[in-house]
N, C-alpha and C. Protein backbone atom coordinates (compact mmCIF):
# COMPACT_ATOMS: atom_id res chain seq x y z
N MET A 1 24.66 21.16 64.43
CA MET A 1 23.30 21.07 63.93
C MET A 1 23.33 20.44 62.53
N SER A 2 22.26 19.77 62.22
CA SER A 2 22.13 19.08 60.95
C SER A 2 22.00 20.06 59.79
N LEU A 3 22.60 19.70 58.68
CA LEU A 3 22.48 20.50 57.46
C LEU A 3 21.01 20.62 57.05
N PHE A 4 20.21 19.57 57.29
CA PHE A 4 18.80 19.60 56.94
C PHE A 4 18.05 20.67 57.72
N LEU A 5 18.47 20.90 58.97
CA LEU A 5 17.82 21.92 59.79
C LEU A 5 18.38 23.30 59.51
N GLU A 6 19.64 23.36 59.16
CA GLU A 6 20.27 24.65 58.86
C GLU A 6 19.81 25.22 57.53
N ARG A 7 19.54 24.38 56.57
CA ARG A 7 19.16 24.81 55.21
C ARG A 7 17.74 24.39 54.89
N LYS A 8 16.80 24.77 55.75
CA LYS A 8 15.40 24.36 55.59
C LYS A 8 14.85 24.73 54.22
N GLU A 9 15.19 25.91 53.72
CA GLU A 9 14.66 26.36 52.44
C GLU A 9 15.08 25.45 51.29
N LEU A 10 16.23 24.81 51.42
CA LEU A 10 16.70 23.89 50.40
C LEU A 10 16.03 22.52 50.53
N PHE A 11 15.94 22.03 51.76
CA PHE A 11 15.49 20.67 51.97
C PHE A 11 13.99 20.53 52.18
N ASP A 12 13.25 21.63 52.20
CA ASP A 12 11.80 21.56 52.40
C ASP A 12 11.07 21.65 51.06
N ARG A 13 11.59 20.93 50.09
CA ARG A 13 10.96 20.87 48.76
C ARG A 13 11.29 19.54 48.11
N ILE A 14 10.69 19.28 47.00
CA ILE A 14 10.93 18.02 46.28
C ILE A 14 12.32 18.08 45.66
N LEU A 15 13.17 17.11 46.01
CA LEU A 15 14.54 17.09 45.51
C LEU A 15 14.85 15.87 44.64
N LEU A 16 14.23 14.76 44.92
CA LEU A 16 14.64 13.52 44.26
C LEU A 16 13.72 13.06 43.13
N LEU A 17 12.51 13.57 43.09
CA LEU A 17 11.59 13.14 42.04
C LEU A 17 11.84 13.90 40.75
N GLY A 18 11.78 13.16 39.66
CA GLY A 18 11.90 13.78 38.36
C GLY A 18 10.58 14.44 37.97
N ALA A 19 10.60 15.19 36.88
CA ALA A 19 9.41 15.91 36.42
C ALA A 19 8.26 14.94 36.14
N ASP A 20 8.57 13.80 35.51
CA ASP A 20 7.52 12.83 35.21
C ASP A 20 6.95 12.22 36.48
N GLU A 21 7.80 11.98 37.49
CA GLU A 21 7.33 11.43 38.76
C GLU A 21 6.49 12.45 39.53
N MET A 22 6.81 13.71 39.37
CA MET A 22 6.02 14.75 40.02
C MET A 22 4.63 14.82 39.40
N GLN A 23 4.55 14.55 38.11
CA GLN A 23 3.25 14.54 37.42
C GLN A 23 2.45 13.28 37.76
N GLU A 24 3.14 12.17 37.93
CA GLU A 24 2.49 10.88 38.21
C GLU A 24 3.14 10.23 39.44
N PRO A 25 2.88 10.76 40.65
CA PRO A 25 3.53 10.22 41.84
C PRO A 25 3.15 8.78 42.15
N MET A 26 2.04 8.29 41.60
CA MET A 26 1.66 6.90 41.81
C MET A 26 2.75 5.96 41.28
N GLU A 27 3.46 6.40 40.25
CA GLU A 27 4.55 5.60 39.69
C GLU A 27 5.66 5.37 40.73
N VAL A 28 5.85 6.34 41.60
CA VAL A 28 6.87 6.21 42.66
C VAL A 28 6.45 5.10 43.62
N PHE A 29 5.15 5.07 43.98
CA PHE A 29 4.65 4.00 44.82
C PHE A 29 4.79 2.65 44.12
N GLU A 30 4.46 2.63 42.83
CA GLU A 30 4.58 1.40 42.04
C GLU A 30 6.00 0.85 42.11
N GLN A 31 6.97 1.71 41.87
CA GLN A 31 8.37 1.29 41.87
C GLN A 31 8.81 0.86 43.26
N PHE A 32 8.46 1.67 44.26
CA PHE A 32 8.89 1.36 45.63
C PHE A 32 8.36 0.00 46.08
N PHE A 33 7.06 -0.21 45.91
CA PHE A 33 6.48 -1.46 46.38
C PHE A 33 6.75 -2.64 45.46
N SER A 34 7.31 -2.40 44.27
CA SER A 34 7.79 -3.53 43.47
C SER A 34 9.19 -3.94 43.93
N ASP A 35 9.91 -3.01 44.56
CA ASP A 35 11.24 -3.31 45.09
C ASP A 35 11.19 -3.85 46.52
N TYR A 36 10.23 -3.38 47.32
CA TYR A 36 10.14 -3.74 48.74
C TYR A 36 8.73 -4.16 49.09
N HIS A 37 8.62 -5.24 49.85
CA HIS A 37 7.35 -5.64 50.42
C HIS A 37 7.19 -4.94 51.77
N LEU A 38 5.96 -4.84 52.24
CA LEU A 38 5.70 -4.15 53.49
C LEU A 38 6.49 -4.75 54.65
N HIS A 39 6.60 -6.08 54.70
CA HIS A 39 7.35 -6.70 55.80
C HIS A 39 8.83 -6.33 55.74
N GLU A 40 9.37 -6.15 54.53
CA GLU A 40 10.77 -5.72 54.40
C GLU A 40 10.95 -4.29 54.90
N CYS A 41 9.99 -3.44 54.60
CA CYS A 41 10.05 -2.05 55.07
C CYS A 41 10.03 -2.00 56.58
N ARG A 42 9.16 -2.80 57.19
CA ARG A 42 9.11 -2.85 58.65
C ARG A 42 10.45 -3.32 59.22
N TYR A 43 11.03 -4.33 58.61
CA TYR A 43 12.32 -4.84 59.08
C TYR A 43 13.41 -3.77 58.96
N ILE A 44 13.46 -3.08 57.84
CA ILE A 44 14.47 -2.03 57.63
C ILE A 44 14.30 -0.92 58.65
N LEU A 45 13.05 -0.46 58.86
CA LEU A 45 12.80 0.59 59.85
C LEU A 45 13.21 0.14 61.24
N TRP A 46 12.82 -1.08 61.61
CA TRP A 46 13.16 -1.58 62.94
C TRP A 46 14.67 -1.68 63.11
N THR A 47 15.38 -2.14 62.10
CA THR A 47 16.83 -2.25 62.17
C THR A 47 17.48 -0.88 62.33
N MET A 48 16.99 0.11 61.58
CA MET A 48 17.53 1.47 61.72
C MET A 48 17.26 2.02 63.11
N LEU A 49 16.06 1.84 63.60
CA LEU A 49 15.69 2.34 64.92
C LEU A 49 16.52 1.66 66.00
N GLN A 50 16.63 0.37 65.92
CA GLN A 50 17.40 -0.39 66.90
C GLN A 50 18.87 0.04 66.89
N THR A 51 19.43 0.23 65.73
CA THR A 51 20.82 0.66 65.62
C THR A 51 21.02 2.04 66.24
N CYS A 52 20.11 2.95 65.94
CA CYS A 52 20.23 4.31 66.49
C CYS A 52 20.12 4.33 68.01
N LEU A 53 19.27 3.47 68.55
CA LEU A 53 19.03 3.51 69.99
C LEU A 53 19.96 2.64 70.81
N THR A 54 20.66 1.72 70.18
CA THR A 54 21.51 0.81 70.95
C THR A 54 23.00 1.03 70.73
N THR A 55 23.37 2.03 69.96
CA THR A 55 24.78 2.34 69.76
C THR A 55 25.07 3.73 70.32
N ASP A 56 26.34 4.01 70.57
CA ASP A 56 26.72 5.34 71.03
C ASP A 56 26.44 6.35 69.93
N ASN A 57 25.47 7.19 70.18
CA ASN A 57 25.06 8.17 69.18
C ASN A 57 24.56 9.39 69.93
N THR A 58 25.29 10.48 69.85
CA THR A 58 24.92 11.68 70.59
C THR A 58 23.61 12.28 70.10
N GLU A 59 23.19 11.97 68.88
CA GLU A 59 21.93 12.50 68.35
C GLU A 59 20.74 12.01 69.15
N PHE A 60 20.84 10.84 69.75
CA PHE A 60 19.71 10.25 70.46
C PHE A 60 20.06 9.95 71.91
N SER A 61 20.84 10.82 72.53
CA SER A 61 21.29 10.58 73.90
C SER A 61 20.24 10.97 74.94
N GLU A 62 19.31 11.82 74.58
CA GLU A 62 18.28 12.26 75.51
C GLU A 62 16.99 11.46 75.29
N PRO A 63 16.26 11.18 76.37
CA PRO A 63 15.00 10.42 76.22
C PRO A 63 14.02 11.06 75.24
N ALA A 64 13.90 12.37 75.24
CA ALA A 64 12.96 13.03 74.32
C ALA A 64 13.36 12.82 72.87
N GLU A 65 14.66 12.80 72.60
CA GLU A 65 15.14 12.56 71.23
C GLU A 65 14.83 11.14 70.80
N ARG A 66 15.01 10.18 71.71
CA ARG A 66 14.69 8.79 71.39
C ARG A 66 13.19 8.61 71.18
N ALA A 67 12.40 9.24 72.02
CA ALA A 67 10.94 9.15 71.86
C ALA A 67 10.50 9.74 70.52
N SER A 68 11.12 10.83 70.13
CA SER A 68 10.80 11.45 68.85
C SER A 68 11.17 10.53 67.69
N LEU A 69 12.31 9.89 67.78
CA LEU A 69 12.74 8.95 66.74
C LEU A 69 11.76 7.79 66.62
N ILE A 70 11.34 7.26 67.75
CA ILE A 70 10.37 6.16 67.74
C ILE A 70 9.06 6.61 67.10
N MET A 71 8.59 7.80 67.46
CA MET A 71 7.34 8.31 66.89
C MET A 71 7.49 8.54 65.38
N ASN A 72 8.64 9.08 64.95
CA ASN A 72 8.87 9.28 63.52
C ASN A 72 8.85 7.96 62.76
N CYS A 73 9.47 6.94 63.32
CA CYS A 73 9.48 5.63 62.66
C CYS A 73 8.07 5.05 62.59
N LYS A 74 7.31 5.20 63.67
CA LYS A 74 5.93 4.70 63.68
C LYS A 74 5.10 5.43 62.62
N ASN A 75 5.28 6.74 62.51
CA ASN A 75 4.54 7.51 61.50
C ASN A 75 4.98 7.14 60.09
N LEU A 76 6.27 6.88 59.89
CA LEU A 76 6.74 6.44 58.58
C LEU A 76 6.17 5.07 58.23
N GLU A 77 6.06 4.21 59.23
CA GLU A 77 5.46 2.90 59.00
C GLU A 77 3.98 3.05 58.61
N ARG A 78 3.26 3.95 59.27
CA ARG A 78 1.86 4.23 58.91
C ARG A 78 1.78 4.78 57.48
N PHE A 79 2.74 5.65 57.11
CA PHE A 79 2.79 6.19 55.75
C PHE A 79 2.98 5.06 54.74
N LEU A 80 3.87 4.12 55.04
CA LEU A 80 4.09 2.99 54.15
C LEU A 80 2.84 2.14 54.01
N GLU A 81 2.14 1.91 55.12
CA GLU A 81 0.90 1.15 55.06
C GLU A 81 -0.12 1.87 54.17
N ALA A 82 -0.24 3.19 54.36
CA ALA A 82 -1.18 3.97 53.55
C ALA A 82 -0.79 3.91 52.08
N GLY A 83 0.50 4.03 51.79
CA GLY A 83 0.97 3.94 50.40
C GLY A 83 0.65 2.59 49.79
N SER A 84 0.81 1.55 50.57
CA SER A 84 0.49 0.21 50.11
C SER A 84 -0.99 0.08 49.79
N LEU A 85 -1.85 0.61 50.66
CA LEU A 85 -3.29 0.57 50.43
C LEU A 85 -3.70 1.40 49.22
N ILE A 86 -3.11 2.57 49.08
CA ILE A 86 -3.41 3.43 47.92
C ILE A 86 -3.07 2.69 46.63
N LEU A 87 -1.94 2.03 46.63
CA LEU A 87 -1.52 1.29 45.44
C LEU A 87 -2.47 0.13 45.16
N GLU A 88 -2.87 -0.60 46.20
CA GLU A 88 -3.82 -1.70 46.01
C GLU A 88 -5.15 -1.19 45.44
N LYS A 89 -5.65 -0.10 46.00
CA LYS A 89 -6.91 0.47 45.50
C LYS A 89 -6.76 0.96 44.07
N HIS A 90 -5.62 1.54 43.76
CA HIS A 90 -5.34 2.03 42.40
C HIS A 90 -5.35 0.86 41.41
N HIS A 91 -4.75 -0.25 41.80
CA HIS A 91 -4.74 -1.43 40.93
C HIS A 91 -6.14 -2.00 40.77
N GLY A 92 -6.93 -1.95 41.85
CA GLY A 92 -8.31 -2.46 41.78
C GLY A 92 -9.15 -1.66 40.81
N ARG A 93 -8.93 -0.37 40.75
CA ARG A 93 -9.69 0.50 39.85
C ARG A 93 -9.23 0.37 38.41
N LYS A 94 -7.95 0.04 38.22
CA LYS A 94 -7.42 -0.09 36.86
C LYS A 94 -7.89 -1.37 36.20
N ASN A 95 -8.13 -2.42 36.99
CA ASN A 95 -8.50 -3.72 36.45
C ASN A 95 -9.96 -3.86 36.21
């Protein structure tokens, strides 16, 4: 079993954001989308998904596990789109 599932109490909280980023999470979106364009994020997600599903990997050996992975990637892609829109709207209000 995954360490993330075994230690839920540890991994079900903010771990990577600093105190200033927790106060101003929009800055995280600013940095992320200055490093990656939406098309690059889609490419990275697709490459990860394709690699997981086309290589020998016991984590995704069952159809339900593969379907879950696909759904998670689709939801993450929707999250990225929403983050991109939030940032665009934020910039529109600042200007």
